[in-house]
Amino acid sequence: MGFTRKVAFEFSLILFIVIACGTFIIDTYKNFSFFIINAYLIVLSIFTSFLVSFFLGKFLIPILYRTSLIFFAIYRLLIAYIIFILINY
């Protein structure tokens, strides 16, 4: 569509943040009793996710701007494969 990589990435990031926050709010509303019982685990998970995303973002965003998206796609597929293997064992 003629967008630069940077604009496409920023747009995708903004969409992701809105969707993730909306999903969290809806799930919390539907499962409020579960949230209260496990609040410390949920807060720890959010904090850990933020830290990992922040540091990986600092590392991967400059690479994303300079190189082809194929490396980003390979990275995502490898992470998905590792998670799939870990879940099934």
N, C-alpha and C. Protein backbone atom coordinates (compact mmCIF):
# COMPACT_ATOMS: atom_id res chain seq x y z
N MET A 1 0.82 -1.20 0.00
CA MET A 1 0.00 0.00 0.00
C MET A 1 0.86 1.25 0.00
N GLY A 2 2.16 1.09 -0.06
CA GLY A 2 3.02 2.25 -0.13
C GLY A 2 3.53 2.77 1.21
N PHE A 3 3.26 2.07 2.29
CA PHE A 3 3.74 2.49 3.60
C PHE A 3 5.20 2.11 3.76
N THR A 4 5.90 2.89 4.54
CA THR A 4 7.26 2.49 4.90
C THR A 4 7.17 1.41 5.98
N ARG A 5 8.27 0.71 6.16
CA ARG A 5 8.30 -0.33 7.20
C ARG A 5 8.02 0.24 8.58
N LYS A 6 8.58 1.41 8.84
CA LYS A 6 8.42 2.03 10.15
C LYS A 6 6.96 2.38 10.41
N VAL A 7 6.28 2.95 9.44
CA VAL A 7 4.88 3.32 9.62
C VAL A 7 4.01 2.07 9.78
N ALA A 8 4.28 1.04 8.99
CA ALA A 8 3.51 -0.21 9.10
C ALA A 8 3.71 -0.86 10.46
N PHE A 9 4.95 -0.84 10.95
CA PHE A 9 5.23 -1.42 12.26
C PHE A 9 4.53 -0.65 13.38
N GLU A 10 4.62 0.67 13.33
CA GLU A 10 3.98 1.48 14.37
C GLU A 10 2.47 1.32 14.36
N PHE A 11 1.88 1.25 13.17
CA PHE A 11 0.44 1.04 13.06
C PHE A 11 0.05 -0.32 13.64
N SER A 12 0.81 -1.35 13.32
CA SER A 12 0.54 -2.68 13.85
C SER A 12 0.68 -2.71 15.37
N LEU A 13 1.67 -2.01 15.88
CA LEU A 13 1.87 -1.96 17.32
C LEU A 13 0.72 -1.27 18.03
N ILE A 14 0.24 -0.17 17.47
CA ILE A 14 -0.90 0.54 18.05
C ILE A 14 -2.14 -0.35 18.04
N LEU A 15 -2.38 -1.04 16.94
CA LEU A 15 -3.52 -1.95 16.88
C LEU A 15 -3.40 -3.07 17.90
N PHE A 16 -2.19 -3.61 18.05
CA PHE A 16 -1.98 -4.69 19.01
C PHE A 16 -2.27 -4.23 20.44
N ILE A 17 -1.80 -3.04 20.79
CA ILE A 17 -2.00 -2.54 22.15
C ILE A 17 -3.49 -2.40 22.46
N VAL A 18 -4.24 -1.86 21.53
CA VAL A 18 -5.68 -1.68 21.73
C VAL A 18 -6.38 -3.04 21.87
N ILE A 19 -6.04 -3.97 20.99
CA ILE A 19 -6.67 -5.29 21.02
C ILE A 19 -6.29 -6.05 22.29
N ALA A 20 -5.03 -5.99 22.69
CA ALA A 20 -4.59 -6.70 23.90
C ALA A 20 -5.26 -6.14 25.15
N CYS A 21 -5.35 -4.82 25.24
CA CYS A 21 -6.01 -4.22 26.41
C CYS A 21 -7.50 -4.55 26.43
N GLY A 22 -8.14 -4.50 25.29
CA GLY A 22 -9.56 -4.85 25.21
C GLY A 22 -9.82 -6.30 25.61
N THR A 23 -8.98 -7.18 25.13
CA THR A 23 -9.11 -8.60 25.47
C THR A 23 -8.91 -8.82 26.96
N PHE A 24 -7.93 -8.15 27.54
CA PHE A 24 -7.68 -8.28 28.97
C PHE A 24 -8.88 -7.79 29.78
N ILE A 25 -9.45 -6.68 29.40
CA ILE A 25 -10.60 -6.13 30.12
C ILE A 25 -11.79 -7.07 30.02
N ILE A 26 -12.08 -7.59 28.84
CA ILE A 26 -13.22 -8.50 28.66
C ILE A 26 -13.01 -9.79 29.43
N ASP A 27 -11.80 -10.37 29.35
CA ASP A 27 -11.53 -11.61 30.09
C ASP A 27 -11.59 -11.39 31.60
N THR A 28 -11.10 -10.26 32.06
CA THR A 28 -11.17 -9.96 33.50
C THR A 28 -12.62 -9.83 33.95
N TYR A 29 -13.44 -9.19 33.15
CA TYR A 29 -14.85 -9.03 33.49
C TYR A 29 -15.57 -10.39 33.52
N LYS A 30 -15.28 -11.24 32.54
CA LYS A 30 -15.95 -12.54 32.47
C LYS A 30 -15.48 -13.49 33.57
N ASN A 31 -14.23 -13.40 33.97
CA ASN A 31 -13.65 -14.33 34.94
C ASN A 31 -13.11 -13.58 36.15
N PHE A 32 -13.90 -12.68 36.69
CA PHE A 32 -13.42 -11.82 37.77
C PHE A 32 -13.00 -12.61 39.00
N SER A 33 -13.72 -13.66 39.35
CA SER A 33 -13.35 -14.44 40.53
C SER A 33 -12.00 -15.12 40.34
N PHE A 34 -11.73 -15.63 39.14
CA PHE A 34 -10.42 -16.22 38.84
C PHE A 34 -9.33 -15.15 38.93
N PHE A 35 -9.63 -13.96 38.45
CA PHE A 35 -8.65 -12.88 38.49
C PHE A 35 -8.30 -12.51 39.92
N ILE A 36 -9.30 -12.43 40.80
CA ILE A 36 -9.06 -12.06 42.20
C ILE A 36 -8.20 -13.13 42.89
N ILE A 37 -8.52 -14.40 42.64
CA ILE A 37 -7.77 -15.49 43.29
C ILE A 37 -6.31 -15.50 42.82
N ASN A 38 -6.09 -15.26 41.54
CA ASN A 38 -4.75 -15.35 40.95
C ASN A 38 -4.19 -13.99 40.54
N ALA A 39 -4.57 -12.94 41.22
CA ALA A 39 -4.15 -11.59 40.83
C ALA A 39 -2.64 -11.44 40.82
N TYR A 40 -1.97 -11.99 41.81
CA TYR A 40 -0.51 -11.83 41.86
C TYR A 40 0.16 -12.52 40.67
N LEU A 41 -0.34 -13.67 40.25
CA LEU A 41 0.23 -14.35 39.09
C LEU A 41 -0.04 -13.58 37.80
N ILE A 42 -1.20 -13.00 37.70
CA ILE A 42 -1.55 -12.23 36.51
C ILE A 42 -0.71 -10.97 36.43
N VAL A 43 -0.54 -10.29 37.55
CA VAL A 43 0.29 -9.09 37.56
C VAL A 43 1.75 -9.44 37.25
N LEU A 44 2.24 -10.53 37.81
CA LEU A 44 3.60 -10.98 37.51
C LEU A 44 3.75 -11.33 36.03
N SER A 45 2.75 -11.97 35.46
CA SER A 45 2.78 -12.32 34.04
C SER A 45 2.80 -11.08 33.16
N ILE A 46 1.99 -10.09 33.50
CA ILE A 46 1.96 -8.84 32.73
C ILE A 46 3.31 -8.13 32.82
N PHE A 47 3.87 -8.07 34.01
CA PHE A 47 5.16 -7.41 34.20
C PHE A 47 6.27 -8.12 33.43
N THR A 48 6.30 -9.45 33.51
CA THR A 48 7.30 -10.23 32.79
C THR A 48 7.15 -10.07 31.29
N SER A 49 5.94 -10.11 30.81
CA SER A 49 5.68 -9.92 29.39
C SER A 49 6.14 -8.55 28.92
N PHE A 50 5.88 -7.54 29.73
CA PHE A 50 6.32 -6.19 29.39
C PHE A 50 7.84 -6.11 29.29
N LEU A 51 8.53 -6.66 30.28
CA LEU A 51 9.99 -6.60 30.27
C LEU A 51 10.59 -7.33 29.07
N VAL A 52 10.11 -8.53 28.81
CA VAL A 52 10.62 -9.30 27.68
C VAL A 52 10.34 -8.58 26.37
N SER A 53 9.13 -8.07 26.21
CA SER A 53 8.77 -7.35 24.99
C SER A 53 9.62 -6.09 24.83
N PHE A 54 9.85 -5.39 25.92
CA PHE A 54 10.64 -4.17 25.86
C PHE A 54 12.06 -4.45 25.39
N PHE A 55 12.71 -5.43 26.02
CA PHE A 55 14.10 -5.71 25.67
C PHE A 55 14.24 -6.36 24.29
N LEU A 56 13.34 -7.24 23.94
CA LEU A 56 13.38 -7.80 22.59
C LEU A 56 13.06 -6.73 21.56
N GLY A 57 12.16 -5.84 21.90
CA GLY A 57 11.84 -4.74 20.99
C GLY A 57 13.05 -3.86 20.75
N LYS A 58 13.79 -3.56 21.81
CA LYS A 58 15.00 -2.75 21.67
C LYS A 58 16.01 -3.42 20.74
N PHE A 59 16.03 -4.75 20.77
CA PHE A 59 16.97 -5.50 19.95
C PHE A 59 16.45 -5.73 18.53
N LEU A 60 15.18 -6.05 18.40
CA LEU A 60 14.64 -6.46 17.10
C LEU A 60 14.14 -5.31 16.23
N ILE A 61 13.67 -4.23 16.81
CA ILE A 61 13.13 -3.14 15.99
C ILE A 61 14.19 -2.53 15.07
N PRO A 62 15.40 -2.24 15.55
CA PRO A 62 16.41 -1.74 14.60
C PRO A 62 16.72 -2.74 13.48
N ILE A 63 16.73 -4.01 13.80
CA ILE A 63 16.96 -5.03 12.77
C ILE A 63 15.81 -5.03 11.77
N LEU A 64 14.60 -4.89 12.28
CA LEU A 64 13.42 -4.87 11.42
C LEU A 64 13.45 -3.70 10.45
N TYR A 65 13.95 -2.56 10.89
CA TYR A 65 14.02 -1.38 10.01
C TYR A 65 15.09 -1.53 8.94
N ARG A 66 16.16 -2.28 9.22
CA ARG A 66 17.28 -2.37 8.30
C ARG A 66 17.22 -3.54 7.33
N THR A 67 16.58 -4.63 7.73
CA THR A 67 16.63 -5.85 6.92
C THR A 67 15.25 -6.26 6.45
N SER A 68 15.23 -7.36 5.77
CA SER A 68 13.98 -7.92 5.25
C SER A 68 13.13 -8.48 6.39
N LEU A 69 11.85 -8.53 6.17
CA LEU A 69 10.94 -9.08 7.18
C LEU A 69 11.03 -10.60 7.26
N ILE A 70 11.74 -11.22 6.35
CA ILE A 70 11.85 -12.68 6.38
C ILE A 70 12.53 -13.15 7.67
N PHE A 71 13.51 -12.39 8.16
CA PHE A 71 14.19 -12.77 9.40
C PHE A 71 13.23 -12.67 10.59
N PHE A 72 12.38 -11.67 10.58
CA PHE A 72 11.39 -11.53 11.63
C PHE A 72 10.39 -12.69 11.58
N ALA A 73 10.00 -13.07 10.37
CA ALA A 73 9.07 -14.20 10.21
C ALA A 73 9.70 -15.50 10.69
N ILE A 74 10.96 -15.72 10.37
CA ILE A 74 11.66 -16.93 10.82
C ILE A 74 11.76 -16.94 12.34
N TYR A 75 12.09 -15.80 12.93
CA TYR A 75 12.16 -15.69 14.39
C TYR A 75 10.82 -16.06 15.01
N ARG A 76 9.72 -15.52 14.47
CA ARG A 76 8.39 -15.80 15.02
C ARG A 76 8.03 -17.28 14.88
N LEU A 77 8.36 -17.88 13.75
CA LEU A 77 8.08 -19.30 13.55
C LEU A 77 8.89 -20.16 14.50
N LEU A 78 10.13 -19.82 14.74
CA LEU A 78 10.95 -20.59 15.68
C LEU A 78 10.41 -20.49 17.10
N ILE A 79 10.02 -19.30 17.51
CA ILE A 79 9.44 -19.12 18.84
C ILE A 79 8.14 -19.92 18.97
N ALA A 80 7.30 -19.87 17.94
CA ALA A 80 6.04 -20.62 17.96
C ALA A 80 6.32 -22.11 18.04
N TYR A 81 7.31 -22.59 17.32
CA TYR A 81 7.65 -24.02 17.33
C TYR A 81 8.15 -24.44 18.71
N ILE A 82 9.01 -23.61 19.32
CA ILE A 82 9.51 -23.93 20.65
C ILE A 82 8.38 -23.96 21.68
N ILE A 83 7.50 -23.00 21.61
CA ILE A 83 6.35 -22.98 22.54
C ILE A 83 5.47 -24.20 22.31
N PHE A 84 5.22 -24.55 21.06
CA PHE A 84 4.41 -25.72 20.73
C PHE A 84 5.03 -26.98 21.33
N ILE A 85 6.34 -27.14 21.18
CA ILE A 85 7.02 -28.32 21.73
C ILE A 85 6.94 -28.34 23.26
N LEU A 86 7.16 -27.18 23.88
CA LEU A 86 7.12 -27.11 25.34
C LEU A 86 5.72 -27.40 25.88
N ILE A 87 4.70 -26.96 25.20
CA ILE A 87 3.33 -27.20 25.66
C ILE A 87 2.95 -28.66 25.56
N ASN A 88 3.43 -29.33 24.55
CA ASN A 88 3.03 -30.72 24.32
C ASN A 88 3.88 -31.73 25.06
N TYR A 89 4.84 -31.30 25.87
CA TYR A 89 5.63 -32.25 26.67
C TYR A 89 5.33 -32.14 28.10
